[in-house]
Amino acid sequence: MIWDCAIIGGGPAGLNAALVLGRSRRTAALIDNDQPRNRVTRVSHGYLTRDGVRPEQFRSLAYEEIGRYPTVRRFMATALEVNAARGAFRVITSMREEVWARTLILATGLHETLPRIPGLEPLYGKSIFNCVYCDGYELQDRPLFVLSEQPGLYHFVKTVHHWSRDLIVLTNGRPVLTSGEKERLQVKGLLVVEEPIHSFRGDGGQLTEVVFHSGAFIPRAGGFIVPQWSQKAPFAAQLGCRPDGAGGIAVDELGRTSVKGVYAAGDTARFGPSQLIIAAGQGSKAAMAVNADLIDEEF
């Protein structure tokens, strides 16, 4: 069988693309290994009618709705290889299945690399986060930290400062702030600590203090970090899709890439606010582009 579209990735972008394609009377193969990036968090925010939804609940509801459309099938597997062959796209999965499709939507998302600091992993997604628009409301006015080992920290601090004035600014020993930026932060009454971090301490997912290599520690109730982002899968580059220069894939307003028949949606397409509602909307647009292009081809 040759499907109208193969969707790689079962995050909100891929799920919504599958829904729209099902409603468009298109056959769609959704390849999803059940490893969404937001599985580390307890709840997700900012999605109208689903604010505070648990990630597993969101996916369960999504698959319940997608299941109403008989032309959509889920392949519970990881996509291992993608290539163009015989006028279509071939996806080889971890279950050794070959999925052939006329078009392809890449919705594999991003891989995040966290600073290598002991104690961070069990707190991440519970009291330490990366998106202030997703989790800042719950931490408002609490004693927080902001950590980045990359340039751009100053602007991130300004954003977090809107939710809480009780901030310390951490660089984990990296020289990522200019002298002027440090001076402006100190004028705002913010403590800037450039000493390397020894560890984070907490209990049950709740941060209690940041410990430095000198032995000093500062009590904190939560914080925000800037991970390093990279494409989770190499398929766009392997297919020859043009990058956008910022780590994403160059796409038009509907998610079409530079390669005919290949579309991208969600974080895969553009590094930006990582919210469910934004990714889902992009998945919807990519599915509409797929259907429109197939209609043009068939008419």
C-alpha atoms as a PDB file:
ATOM      1  CA  MET A   1       0.000   0.000   0.000  1.00  0.00           C
ATOM      2  CA  ILE A   2       1.136   3.539  -0.745  1.00  0.00           C
ATOM      3  CA  TRP A   3      -0.275   5.976   1.783  1.00  0.00           C
ATOM      4  CA  ASP A   4      -1.218   9.529   0.886  1.00  0.00           C
ATOM      5  CA  CYS A   5       1.022  10.750   3.693  1.00  0.00           C
ATOM      6  CA  ALA A   6       3.440   9.342   6.243  1.00  0.00           C
ATOM      7  CA  ILE A   7       3.769  11.415   9.410  1.00  0.00           C
ATOM      8  CA  ILE A   8       6.912  10.854  11.436  1.00  0.00           C
ATOM      9  CA  GLY A   9       6.439  11.914  15.040  1.00  0.00           C
ATOM     10  CA  GLY A  10       3.508  11.700  17.442  1.00  0.00           C
ATOM     11  CA  GLY A  11       3.800  14.992  19.267  1.00  0.00           C
ATOM     12  CA  PRO A  12       1.060  17.629  18.998  1.00  0.00           C
ATOM     13  CA  ALA A  13       2.158  18.582  15.462  1.00  0.00           C
ATOM     14  CA  GLY A  14       2.048  15.026  14.152  1.00  0.00           C
ATOM     15  CA  LEU A  15      -1.152  14.186  16.000  1.00  0.00           C
ATOM     16  CA  ASN A  16      -3.009  17.212  14.684  1.00  0.00           C
ATOM     17  CA  ALA A  17      -1.717  16.580  11.176  1.00  0.00           C
ATOM     18  CA  ALA A  18      -3.128  13.050  11.379  1.00  0.00           C
ATOM     19  CA  LEU A  19      -6.491  14.391  12.549  1.00  0.00           C
ATOM     20  CA  VAL A  20      -6.774  16.902   9.710  1.00  0.00           C
ATOM     21  CA  LEU A  21      -5.682  14.351   7.102  1.00  0.00           C
ATOM     22  CA  GLY A  22      -8.258  11.899   8.392  1.00  0.00           C
ATOM     23  CA  ARG A  23     -10.933  14.557   8.060  1.00  0.00           C
ATOM     24  CA  SER A  24      -9.618  15.287   4.572  1.00  0.00           C
ATOM     25  CA  ARG A  25     -10.321  11.665   3.541  1.00  0.00           C
ATOM     26  CA  ARG A  26      -6.614  10.964   3.155  1.00  0.00           C
ATOM     27  CA  THR A  27      -4.823   7.787   4.110  1.00  0.00           C
ATOM     28  CA  ALA A  28      -2.185   8.642   6.682  1.00  0.00           C
ATOM     29  CA  ALA A  29       0.417   6.506   8.430  1.00  0.00           C
ATOM     30  CA  LEU A  30       1.384   8.023  11.781  1.00  0.00           C
ATOM     31  CA  ILE A  31       4.734   6.649  12.965  1.00  0.00           C
ATOM     32  CA  ASP A  32       4.960   7.292  16.697  1.00  0.00           C
ATOM     33  CA  ASN A  33       7.287   5.646  19.236  1.00  0.00           C
ATOM     34  CA  ASP A  34       5.408   7.040  22.267  1.00  0.00           C
ATOM     35  CA  GLN A  35       8.396   9.074  23.481  1.00  0.00           C
ATOM     36  CA  PRO A  36       7.161  12.701  23.487  1.00  0.00           C
ATOM     37  CA  ARG A  37       9.582  15.304  24.812  1.00  0.00           C
ATOM     38  CA  ASN A  38       7.032  16.651  27.308  1.00  0.00           C
ATOM     39  CA  ARG A  39       6.642  13.288  29.050  1.00  0.00           C
ATOM     40  CA  VAL A  40       8.981  14.519  31.825  1.00  0.00           C
ATOM     41  CA  THR A  41       6.495  17.135  32.982  1.00  0.00           C
ATOM     42  CA  ARG A  42       3.442  16.545  35.132  1.00  0.00           C
ATOM     43  CA  VAL A  43       1.095  18.909  33.308  1.00  0.00           C
ATOM     44  CA  SER A  44       1.123  21.109  30.206  1.00  0.00           C
ATOM     45  CA  HIS A  45      -0.258  24.619  29.903  1.00  0.00           C
ATOM     46  CA  GLY A  46      -1.366  27.196  27.372  1.00  0.00           C
ATOM     47  CA  TYR A  47      -3.644  24.982  25.247  1.00  0.00           C
ATOM     48  CA  LEU A  48      -7.177  26.378  25.265  1.00  0.00           C
ATOM     49  CA  THR A  49      -9.681  23.871  26.781  1.00  0.00           C
ATOM     50  CA  ARG A  50      -6.735  21.701  27.900  1.00  0.00           C
ATOM     51  CA  ASP A  51      -4.818  24.026  30.234  1.00  0.00           C
ATOM     52  CA  GLY A  52      -3.204  21.870  32.925  1.00  0.00           C
ATOM     53  CA  VAL A  53      -3.616  18.624  30.971  1.00  0.00           C
ATOM     54  CA  ARG A  54      -1.303  15.726  31.779  1.00  0.00           C
ATOM     55  CA  PRO A  55       0.841  14.718  28.769  1.00  0.00           C
ATOM     56  CA  GLU A  56      -0.424  11.133  28.850  1.00  0.00           C
ATOM     57  CA  GLN A  57      -4.020  12.376  29.053  1.00  0.00           C
ATOM     58  CA  PHE A  58      -3.473  14.678  26.082  1.00  0.00           C
ATOM     59  CA  ARG A  59      -2.133  11.841  23.957  1.00  0.00           C
ATOM     60  CA  SER A  60      -4.921   9.504  25.022  1.00  0.00           C
ATOM     61  CA  LEU A  61      -7.568  12.048  24.040  1.00  0.00           C
ATOM     62  CA  ALA A  62      -5.779  12.743  20.758  1.00  0.00           C
ATOM     63  CA  TYR A  63      -5.677   9.083  19.774  1.00  0.00           C
ATOM     64  CA  GLU A  64      -9.314   8.647  20.784  1.00  0.00           C
ATOM     65  CA  GLU A  65     -10.276  11.415  18.365  1.00  0.00           C
ATOM     66  CA  ILE A  66      -7.941  10.273  15.570  1.00  0.00           C
ATOM     67  CA  GLY A  67      -9.322   6.755  15.950  1.00  0.00           C
ATOM     68  CA  ARG A  68     -12.668   7.937  14.587  1.00  0.00           C
ATOM     69  CA  TYR A  69     -11.104   8.233  11.136  1.00  0.00           C
ATOM     70  CA  PRO A  70     -10.564   4.840   9.493  1.00  0.00           C
ATOM     71  CA  THR A  71      -8.045   6.116   6.944  1.00  0.00           C
ATOM     72  CA  VAL A  72      -5.472   6.906   9.655  1.00  0.00           C
ATOM     73  CA  ARG A  73      -3.308   4.157  11.128  1.00  0.00           C
ATOM     74  CA  ARG A  74      -0.747   4.382  13.900  1.00  0.00           C
ATOM     75  CA  PHE A  75       2.536   2.509  13.538  1.00  0.00           C
ATOM     76  CA  MET A  76       3.913   2.052  17.051  1.00  0.00           C
ATOM     77  CA  ALA A  77       7.582   2.262  16.112  1.00  0.00           C
ATOM     78  CA  THR A  78      10.573   4.507  15.565  1.00  0.00           C
ATOM     79  CA  ALA A  79      11.406   5.679  12.071  1.00  0.00           C
ATOM     80  CA  LEU A  80      14.953   4.514  11.346  1.00  0.00           C
ATOM     81  CA  GLU A  81      15.467   5.466   7.718  1.00  0.00           C
ATOM     82  CA  VAL A  82      13.726   7.668   5.190  1.00  0.00           C
ATOM     83  CA  ASN A  83      14.486   7.952   1.497  1.00  0.00           C
ATOM     84  CA  ALA A  84      12.885   8.839  -1.795  1.00  0.00           C
ATOM     85  CA  ALA A  85      12.402   5.885  -4.136  1.00  0.00           C
ATOM     86  CA  ARG A  86      10.230   5.046  -7.131  1.00  0.00           C
ATOM     87  CA  GLY A  87       8.380   8.362  -7.035  1.00  0.00           C
ATOM     88  CA  ALA A  88       7.413   8.014  -3.361  1.00  0.00           C
ATOM     89  CA  PHE A  89       8.938   8.084   0.108  1.00  0.00           C
ATOM     90  CA  ARG A  90       9.975   4.931   1.934  1.00  0.00           C
ATOM     91  CA  VAL A  91      10.145   4.881   5.743  1.00  0.00           C
ATOM     92  CA  ILE A  92      11.762   1.915   7.455  1.00  0.00           C
ATOM     93  CA  THR A  93      10.676   1.464  11.074  1.00  0.00           C
ATOM     94  CA  SER A  94      12.174  -0.222  14.103  1.00  0.00           C
ATOM     95  CA  MET A  95       9.588  -3.002  13.611  1.00  0.00           C
ATOM     96  CA  ARG A  96      11.199  -3.657  10.193  1.00  0.00           C
ATOM     97  CA  GLU A  97       8.099  -2.429   8.400  1.00  0.00           C
ATOM     98  CA  GLU A  98       8.360  -0.446   5.174  1.00  0.00           C
ATOM     99  CA  VAL A  99       5.886   2.418   4.951  1.00  0.00           C
ATOM    100  CA  TRP A 100       5.510   3.898   1.470  1.00  0.00           C
ATOM    101  CA  ALA A 101       3.828   7.275   1.020  1.00  0.00           C
ATOM    102  CA  ARG A 102       3.234   9.925  -1.615  1.00  0.00           C
ATOM    103  CA  THR A 103       4.076  12.715   0.829  1.00  0.00           C
ATOM    104  CA  LEU A 104       5.914  13.054   4.108  1.00  0.00           C
ATOM    105  CA  ILE A 105       5.397  15.256   7.175  1.00  0.00           C
ATOM    106  CA  LEU A 106       8.406  15.545   9.483  1.00  0.00           C
ATOM    107  CA  ALA A 107       7.242  16.199  13.040  1.00  0.00           C
ATOM    108  CA  THR A 108      10.012  14.499  14.991  1.00  0.00           C
ATOM    109  CA  GLY A 109      10.637  17.481  17.267  1.00  0.00           C
ATOM    110  CA  LEU A 110      13.817  18.494  19.004  1.00  0.00           C
ATOM    111  CA  HIS A 111      16.399  16.904  21.243  1.00  0.00           C
ATOM    112  CA  GLU A 112      17.301  18.941  24.302  1.00  0.00           C
ATOM    113  CA  THR A 113      20.681  18.668  25.974  1.00  0.00           C
ATOM    114  CA  LEU A 114      20.614  19.837  29.574  1.00  0.00           C
ATOM    115  CA  PRO A 115      23.613  21.179  31.480  1.00  0.00           C
ATOM    116  CA  ARG A 116      25.476  18.290  33.098  1.00  0.00           C
ATOM    117  CA  ILE A 117      24.728  19.148  36.702  1.00  0.00           C
ATOM    118  CA  PRO A 118      24.052  16.453  39.325  1.00  0.00           C
ATOM    119  CA  GLY A 119      20.516  16.523  40.666  1.00  0.00           C
ATOM    120  CA  LEU A 120      19.000  18.312  37.685  1.00  0.00           C
ATOM    121  CA  GLU A 121      17.317  15.403  35.940  1.00  0.00           C
ATOM    122  CA  PRO A 122      14.871  14.367  38.716  1.00  0.00           C
ATOM    123  CA  LEU A 123      13.783  18.007  39.128  1.00  0.00           C
ATOM    124  CA  TYR A 124      13.381  18.803  35.445  1.00  0.00           C
ATOM    125  CA  GLY A 125       9.752  19.131  34.419  1.00  0.00           C
ATOM    126  CA  LYS A 126       8.646  19.338  38.060  1.00  0.00           C
ATOM    127  CA  SER A 127      10.218  22.463  39.565  1.00  0.00           C
ATOM    128  CA  ILE A 128      12.833  23.314  36.914  1.00  0.00           C
ATOM    129  CA  PHE A 129      11.585  24.133  33.421  1.00  0.00           C
ATOM    130  CA  ASN A 130      12.696  25.668  30.127  1.00  0.00           C
ATOM    131  CA  CYS A 131       9.561  27.570  29.018  1.00  0.00           C
ATOM    132  CA  VAL A 132       8.390  30.435  31.193  1.00  0.00           C
ATOM    133  CA  TYR A 133       5.183  30.813  29.177  1.00  0.00           C
ATOM    134  CA  CYS A 134       4.360  27.178  29.948  1.00  0.00           C
ATOM    135  CA  ASP A 135       5.248  27.123  33.652  1.00  0.00           C
ATOM    136  CA  GLY A 136       5.970  30.652  34.863  1.00  0.00           C
ATOM    137  CA  TYR A 137       2.486  31.214  36.260  1.00  0.00           C
ATOM    138  CA  GLU A 138       2.816  28.358  38.743  1.00  0.00           C
ATOM    139  CA  LEU A 139       6.178  29.728  39.964  1.00  0.00           C
ATOM    140  CA  GLN A 140       5.202  33.389  40.102  1.00  0.00           C
ATOM    141  CA  ASP A 141       6.764  35.458  42.907  1.00  0.00           C
ATOM    142  CA  ARG A 142       8.727  32.484  44.234  1.00  0.00           C
ATOM    143  CA  PRO A 143      12.524  32.464  44.768  1.00  0.00           C
ATOM    144  CA  LEU A 144      13.860  31.257  41.413  1.00  0.00           C
ATOM    145  CA  PHE A 145      17.043  30.935  39.387  1.00  0.00           C
ATOM    146  CA  VAL A 146      17.674  31.442  35.688  1.00  0.00           C
ATOM    147  CA  LEU A 147      20.501  29.402  34.168  1.00  0.00           C
ATOM    148  CA  SER A 148      22.070  29.413  30.741  1.00  0.00           C
ATOM    149  CA  GLU A 149      25.507  28.466  29.449  1.00  0.00           C
ATOM    150  CA  GLN A 150      24.793  30.215  26.136  1.00  0.00           C
ATOM    151  CA  PRO A 151      24.593  33.799  24.900  1.00  0.00           C
ATOM    152  CA  GLY A 152      21.126  35.286  25.213  1.00  0.00           C
ATOM    153  CA  LEU A 153      20.880  34.727  28.959  1.00  0.00           C
ATOM    154  CA  TYR A 154      20.304  38.428  29.623  1.00  0.00           C
ATOM    155  CA  HIS A 155      17.153  38.529  27.491  1.00  0.00           C
ATOM    156  CA  PHE A 156      15.819  35.342  29.075  1.00  0.00           C
ATOM    157  CA  VAL A 157      16.345  36.826  32.544  1.00  0.00           C
ATOM    158  CA  LYS A 158      14.332  39.890  31.540  1.00  0.00           C
ATOM    159  CA  THR A 159      11.435  37.639  30.542  1.00  0.00           C
ATOM    160  CA  VAL A 160      11.481  35.520  33.702  1.00  0.00           C
ATOM    161  CA  HIS A 161      11.732  38.691  35.806  1.00  0.00           C
ATOM    162  CA  HIS A 162       8.175  39.519  34.725  1.00  0.00           C
ATOM    163  CA  TRP A 163       6.931  36.503  36.715  1.00  0.00           C
ATOM    164  CA  SER A 164       9.226  36.782  39.734  1.00  0.00           C
ATOM    165  CA  ARG A 165      11.519  39.525  41.012  1.00  0.00           C
ATOM    166  CA  ASP A 166      13.234  37.101  43.396  1.00  0.00           C
ATOM    167  CA  LEU A 167      15.841  35.830  40.936  1.00  0.00           C
ATOM    168  CA  ILE A 168      19.440  34.742  40.901  1.00  0.00           C
ATOM    169  CA  VAL A 169      21.237  34.537  37.571  1.00  0.00           C
ATOM    170  CA  LEU A 170      23.547  31.571  36.960  1.00  0.00           C
ATOM    171  CA  THR A 171      26.077  30.913  34.198  1.00  0.00           C
ATOM    172  CA  ASN A 172      27.679  27.710  35.573  1.00  0.00           C
ATOM    173  CA  GLY A 173      31.110  29.232  35.085  1.00  0.00           C
ATOM    174  CA  ARG A 174      30.555  30.295  31.461  1.00  0.00           C
ATOM    175  CA  PRO A 175      31.314  33.910  30.386  1.00  0.00           C
ATOM    176  CA  VAL A 176      27.963  34.446  28.662  1.00  0.00           C
ATOM    177  CA  LEU A 177      27.130  37.883  30.092  1.00  0.00           C
ATOM    178  CA  THR A 178      28.828  41.092  29.057  1.00  0.00           C
ATOM    179  CA  SER A 179      29.987  43.536  31.711  1.00  0.00           C
ATOM    180  CA  GLY A 180      27.187  45.884  30.677  1.00  0.00           C
ATOM    181  CA  GLU A 181      24.561  43.154  31.027  1.00  0.00           C
ATOM    182  CA  LYS A 182      25.845  42.187  34.466  1.00  0.00           C
ATOM    183  CA  GLU A 183      25.767  45.807  35.563  1.00  0.00           C
ATOM    184  CA  ARG A 184      22.158  46.261  34.398  1.00  0.00           C
ATOM    185  CA  LEU A 185      21.068  43.076  36.167  1.00  0.00           C
ATOM    186  CA  GLN A 186      22.731  44.185  39.391  1.00  0.00           C
ATOM    187  CA  VAL A 187      21.018  47.587  39.148  1.00  0.00           C
ATOM    188  CA  LYS A 188      17.757  45.621  39.111  1.00  0.00           C
ATOM    189  CA  GLY A 189      18.819  43.973  42.367  1.00  0.00           C
ATOM    190  CA  LEU A 190      19.543  40.579  40.815  1.00  0.00           C
ATOM    191  CA  LEU A 191      22.412  38.454  42.099  1.00  0.00           C
ATOM    192  CA  VAL A 192      24.657  37.185  39.298  1.00  0.00           C
ATOM    193  CA  VAL A 193      26.661  34.058  40.175  1.00  0.00           C
ATOM    194  CA  GLU A 194      29.233  32.935  37.629  1.00  0.00           C
ATOM    195  CA  GLU A 195      30.719  30.203  39.825  1.00  0.00           C
ATOM    196  CA  PRO A 196      30.316  26.617  38.559  1.00  0.00           C
ATOM    197  CA  ILE A 197      27.360  24.744  40.025  1.00  0.00           C
ATOM    198  CA  HIS A 198      28.109  21.617  42.034  1.00  0.00           C
ATOM    199  CA  SER A 199      24.556  20.260  42.201  1.00  0.00           C
ATOM    200  CA  PHE A 200      20.863  20.880  42.648  1.00  0.00           C
ATOM    201  CA  ARG A 201      19.231  19.556  45.789  1.00  0.00           C
ATOM    202  CA  GLY A 202      15.586  18.733  46.149  1.00  0.00           C
ATOM    203  CA  ASP A 203      13.061  16.185  47.265  1.00  0.00           C
ATOM    204  CA  GLY A 204      10.172  14.604  45.399  1.00  0.00           C
ATOM    205  CA  GLY A 205      10.812  16.754  42.357  1.00  0.00           C
ATOM    206  CA  GLN A 206      10.856  19.975  44.374  1.00  0.00           C
ATOM    207  CA  LEU A 207      14.046  22.040  44.250  1.00  0.00           C
ATOM    208  CA  THR A 208      15.298  23.283  47.622  1.00  0.00           C
ATOM    209  CA  GLU A 209      18.738  24.757  46.933  1.00  0.00           C
ATOM    210  CA  VAL A 210      21.497  25.370  44.405  1.00  0.00           C
ATOM    211  CA  VAL A 211      24.929  24.213  45.620  1.00  0.00           C
ATOM    212  CA  PHE A 212      28.162  25.695  44.219  1.00  0.00           C
ATOM    213  CA  HIS A 213      31.638  24.187  44.015  1.00  0.00           C
ATOM    214  CA  SER A 214      32.838  26.492  46.790  1.00  0.00           C
ATOM    215  CA  GLY A 215      30.366  24.829  49.149  1.00  0.00           C
ATOM    216  CA  ALA A 216      28.078  27.839  49.232  1.00  0.00           C
ATOM    217  CA  PHE A 217      24.399  27.261  48.560  1.00  0.00           C
ATOM    218  CA  ILE A 218      21.344  29.403  47.862  1.00  0.00           C
ATOM    219  CA  PRO A 219      17.807  28.252  48.714  1.00  0.00           C
ATOM    220  CA  ARG A 220      15.497  28.280  45.694  1.00  0.00           C
ATOM    221  CA  ALA A 221      12.005  26.960  44.994  1.00  0.00           C
ATOM    222  CA  GLY A 222      12.390  26.495  41.252  1.00  0.00           C
ATOM    223  CA  GLY A 223      14.045  27.806  38.144  1.00  0.00           C
ATOM    224  CA  PHE A 224      14.346  28.041  34.391  1.00  0.00           C
ATOM    225  CA  ILE A 225      17.163  26.807  32.188  1.00  0.00           C
ATOM    226  CA  VAL A 226      18.075  27.127  28.521  1.00  0.00           C
ATOM    227  CA  PRO A 227      18.915  23.705  27.040  1.00  0.00           C
ATOM    228  CA  GLN A 228      20.903  23.229  23.861  1.00  0.00           C
ATOM    229  CA  TRP A 229      18.518  22.325  21.051  1.00  0.00           C
ATOM    230  CA  SER A 230      19.161  20.092  18.063  1.00  0.00           C
ATOM    231  CA  GLN A 231      17.093  18.174  15.543  1.00  0.00           C
ATOM    232  CA  LYS A 232      15.910  14.897  17.030  1.00  0.00           C
ATOM    233  CA  ALA A 233      16.152  13.066  13.710  1.00  0.00           C
ATOM    234  CA  PRO A 234      18.414  13.538  10.660  1.00  0.00           C
ATOM    235  CA  PHE A 235      15.757  12.965   8.021  1.00  0.00           C
ATOM    236  CA  ALA A 236      15.434  16.543   6.759  1.00  0.00           C
ATOM    237  CA  ALA A 237      19.136  16.771   6.016  1.00  0.00           C
ATOM    238  CA  GLN A 238      19.187  13.292   4.473  1.00  0.00           C
ATOM    239  CA  LEU A 239      16.340  14.221   2.132  1.00  0.00           C
ATOM    240  CA  GLY A 240      18.060  17.455   1.138  1.00  0.00           C
ATOM    241  CA  CYS A 241      15.679  19.917   2.819  1.00  0.00           C
ATOM    242  CA  ARG A 242      17.168  23.384   3.061  1.00  0.00           C
ATOM    243  CA  PRO A 243      17.917  24.480   6.656  1.00  0.00           C
ATOM    244  CA  ASP A 244      16.719  27.856   7.907  1.00  0.00           C
ATOM    245  CA  GLY A 245      20.067  28.915   9.399  1.00  0.00           C
ATOM    246  CA  ALA A 246      18.760  28.778  12.969  1.00  0.00           C
ATOM    247  CA  GLY A 247      18.741  25.017  13.458  1.00  0.00           C
ATOM    248  CA  GLY A 248      15.325  24.432  11.922  1.00  0.00           C
ATOM    249  CA  ILE A 249      14.076  23.620   8.427  1.00  0.00           C
ATOM    250  CA  ALA A 250      13.223  26.308   5.892  1.00  0.00           C
ATOM    251  CA  VAL A 251       9.462  26.090   5.275  1.00  0.00           C
ATOM    252  CA  ASP A 252       6.786  28.294   3.751  1.00  0.00           C
ATOM    253  CA  GLU A 253       3.759  29.520   5.697  1.00  0.00           C
ATOM    254  CA  LEU A 254       2.102  26.088   5.382  1.00  0.00           C
ATOM    255  CA  GLY A 255       5.101  23.917   6.203  1.00  0.00           C
ATOM    256  CA  ARG A 256       6.325  23.025   2.719  1.00  0.00           C
ATOM    257  CA  THR A 257      10.073  22.384   2.648  1.00  0.00           C
ATOM    258  CA  SER A 258      12.412  22.927  -0.292  1.00  0.00           C
ATOM    259  CA  VAL A 259      11.886  19.271  -1.311  1.00  0.00           C
ATOM    260  CA  LYS A 260       8.680  18.543  -3.182  1.00  0.00           C
ATOM    261  CA  GLY A 261       6.390  16.292  -1.179  1.00  0.00           C
ATOM    262  CA  VAL A 262       8.172  16.878   2.145  1.00  0.00           C
ATOM    263  CA  TYR A 263       6.600  19.052   4.842  1.00  0.00           C
ATOM    264  CA  ALA A 264       7.690  19.938   8.360  1.00  0.00           C
ATOM    265  CA  ALA A 265       5.730  21.028  11.413  1.00  0.00           C
ATOM    266  CA  GLY A 266       6.176  21.865  15.063  1.00  0.00           C
ATOM    267  CA  ASP A 267       9.598  22.259  16.649  1.00  0.00           C
ATOM    268  CA  THR A 268      11.105  20.302  13.761  1.00  0.00           C
ATOM    269  CA  ALA A 269      10.372  23.179  11.415  1.00  0.00           C
ATOM    270  CA  ARG A 270      11.172  26.200  13.550  1.00  0.00           C
ATOM    271  CA  PHE A 271      12.952  26.572  16.858  1.00  0.00           C
ATOM    272  CA  GLY A 272      10.639  28.781  18.868  1.00  0.00           C
ATOM    273  CA  PRO A 273       8.090  28.721  21.672  1.00  0.00           C
ATOM    274  CA  SER A 274       7.613  25.045  22.499  1.00  0.00           C
ATOM    275  CA  GLN A 275       3.915  25.050  23.263  1.00  0.00           C
ATOM    276  CA  LEU A 276       1.369  22.369  22.444  1.00  0.00           C
ATOM    277  CA  ILE A 277      -1.025  24.809  20.825  1.00  0.00           C
ATOM    278  CA  ILE A 278       1.612  26.275  18.493  1.00  0.00           C
ATOM    279  CA  ALA A 279       2.898  22.877  17.371  1.00  0.00           C
ATOM    280  CA  ALA A 280      -0.633  21.551  16.860  1.00  0.00           C
ATOM    281  CA  GLY A 281      -1.530  24.548  14.721  1.00  0.00           C
ATOM    282  CA  GLN A 282       1.537  24.025  12.566  1.00  0.00           C
ATOM    283  CA  GLY A 283       0.634  20.357  12.160  1.00  0.00           C
ATOM    284  CA  SER A 284      -2.826  21.378  10.992  1.00  0.00           C
ATOM    285  CA  LYS A 285      -1.378  23.757   8.396  1.00  0.00           C
ATOM    286  CA  ALA A 286       1.063  21.137   7.092  1.00  0.00           C
ATOM    287  CA  ALA A 287      -1.792  18.645   6.674  1.00  0.00           C
ATOM    288  CA  MET A 288      -3.816  21.232   4.750  1.00  0.00           C
ATOM    289  CA  ALA A 289      -0.825  21.841   2.475  1.00  0.00           C
ATOM    290  CA  VAL A 290      -0.487  18.095   1.857  1.00  0.00           C
ATOM    291  CA  ASN A 291      -4.159  17.789   0.946  1.00  0.00           C
ATOM    292  CA  ALA A 292      -4.121  20.896  -1.248  1.00  0.00           C
ATOM    293  CA  ASP A 293      -1.045  19.725  -3.151  1.00  0.00           C
ATOM    294  CA  LEU A 294      -2.479  16.247  -3.671  1.00  0.00           C
ATOM    295  CA  ILE A 295      -5.734  17.777  -4.927  1.00  0.00           C
ATOM    296  CA  ASP A 296      -3.786  19.866  -7.437  1.00  0.00           C
ATOM    297  CA  GLU A 297      -1.943  16.749  -8.555  1.00  0.00           C
ATOM    298  CA  GLU A 298      -5.119  14.684  -8.919  1.00  0.00           C
ATOM    299  CA  PHE A 299      -7.551  17.219 -10.366  1.00  0.00           C
END
